[in-house]
Amino acid sequence: MEDKSNEMPQHKLPRSRRRVLTLLAWATAAVLVICGGTGGYLYWKLNSNIKTVDINAALGTDRPAASSTGATNILILGSDSRSGGNGKLAGGADDGTARSDTAMVIHVNEAHTHADVVSIPRDTLVTRPACGTKAGATGVMFNTAYEVGGATCAVKTVESMTGLRMDHYVEVDFQGFAKLVDALGGVTVTTTVDINDTDSGLHLKAGTHKLTGTQALEFVRTRHGVGDGSDLGRIELQQQFVKSLMAQVQNLGLLTDPVKLYELASTATSAITTDSDLGSVASLVSFAESMKSVKSSEITAVTMPNTTAPSDPNRVVALEPQATELWAALKDDAAVPKSVTALQSADPATSTSASAG
């Protein structure tokens, strides 16, 4: 009979360790799925998280032509909906309406090595085109387009203003934004002065701070705590924050941490609404892959040239000819004109820097 006295005894792994290994196995499967592996439950779950709007079907062919160079335009909207958990974060009751609290047109050049981010002030008075059964209107605030006709009307209004076709649409609400920042481990910002805004709830001493999701939301919504208290000052904070967020994502090294990758993927897909062409994990991964060469240092952030509206000192209108020059440059996949960059004034109160969670 074979002597097995010197062999190590066969014991089952402790339950806690088996759970860890099981979790890692599932997380590894998520990596394979997200990176183009076979289907399965995780792929289905992530896909089912994503909410979509069929912009193309709703708008039809009466739109600016798509770029022939391979450049891409994306409209990013932040919704101020108070529904669900948003009301608690936003400090307001749900009245059944929503507007676009933040609007950014992101133009990615043909080589996908540089991006221009153009913020459209929500208080801009515009000519809104007819949307569905709603008649068009002149001299109305830009952010009402979303209220009148949702994502489709917002896209149609931006295309009418800019002459640019929006190839993709991404929307995030307050709750989704906060959860996404938390999933990233927070974002670090540095302020050169104290910020105290009782409206947004943000109170920061001058210095460097790692913001939680809720604090980050307060940061990008702050308007009375810095600068002249206008929406234009808030836009500068938002642009700085976007750069920090992109830098942090690029520095996370998610492929070496499959558990964090799946957590982030689940949070991100639950947080956004996209156009139907972008509304799958495969499409999002493909799009992200095409953007990986755009470093935070290769992002030019500007605000649409604007001036005080003659009809209302609390509103703005597009400043011409600079606004038209800006949209024309993006249409030609050219650099932001100097006539536009000369108008930009960085707020000396704040600066942001990214820090991996």
Foldseek 3Di string as FASTA:
>chain_A
DDDCPPPDDDDDDPPVVVVVVVLVVVLVVLVCVLVPHDDDDLQVLLLVLAAEDALCVQVDDPFQDAAPLQKAKEKEFEKCACPDVSCVLQVHHGPPFIWGCWIWIWIQFSQLQFIEIATEQQQAFAFFPAHDPRHIDGRHGLRCLCRVHNPNSNQVRVRVLQVHHHPKYKYFYLVLQQLLCVLQVFWKWAWQAWFDDVNLRATDHGGIDGDHSSNVSSQLNFQCRFDPSASVLSVLSVLQVVLQVQQQVLPQPCVVPSSSVSSNSNSNSNGMYMHPCCSGSNNVSVVVVSNSNHHSVRYHYFYQAWDQDPVDNNGIYGDPPQNNQQSVCSSVSHDRDPVGVVPDDRGNGTHTHGDGD
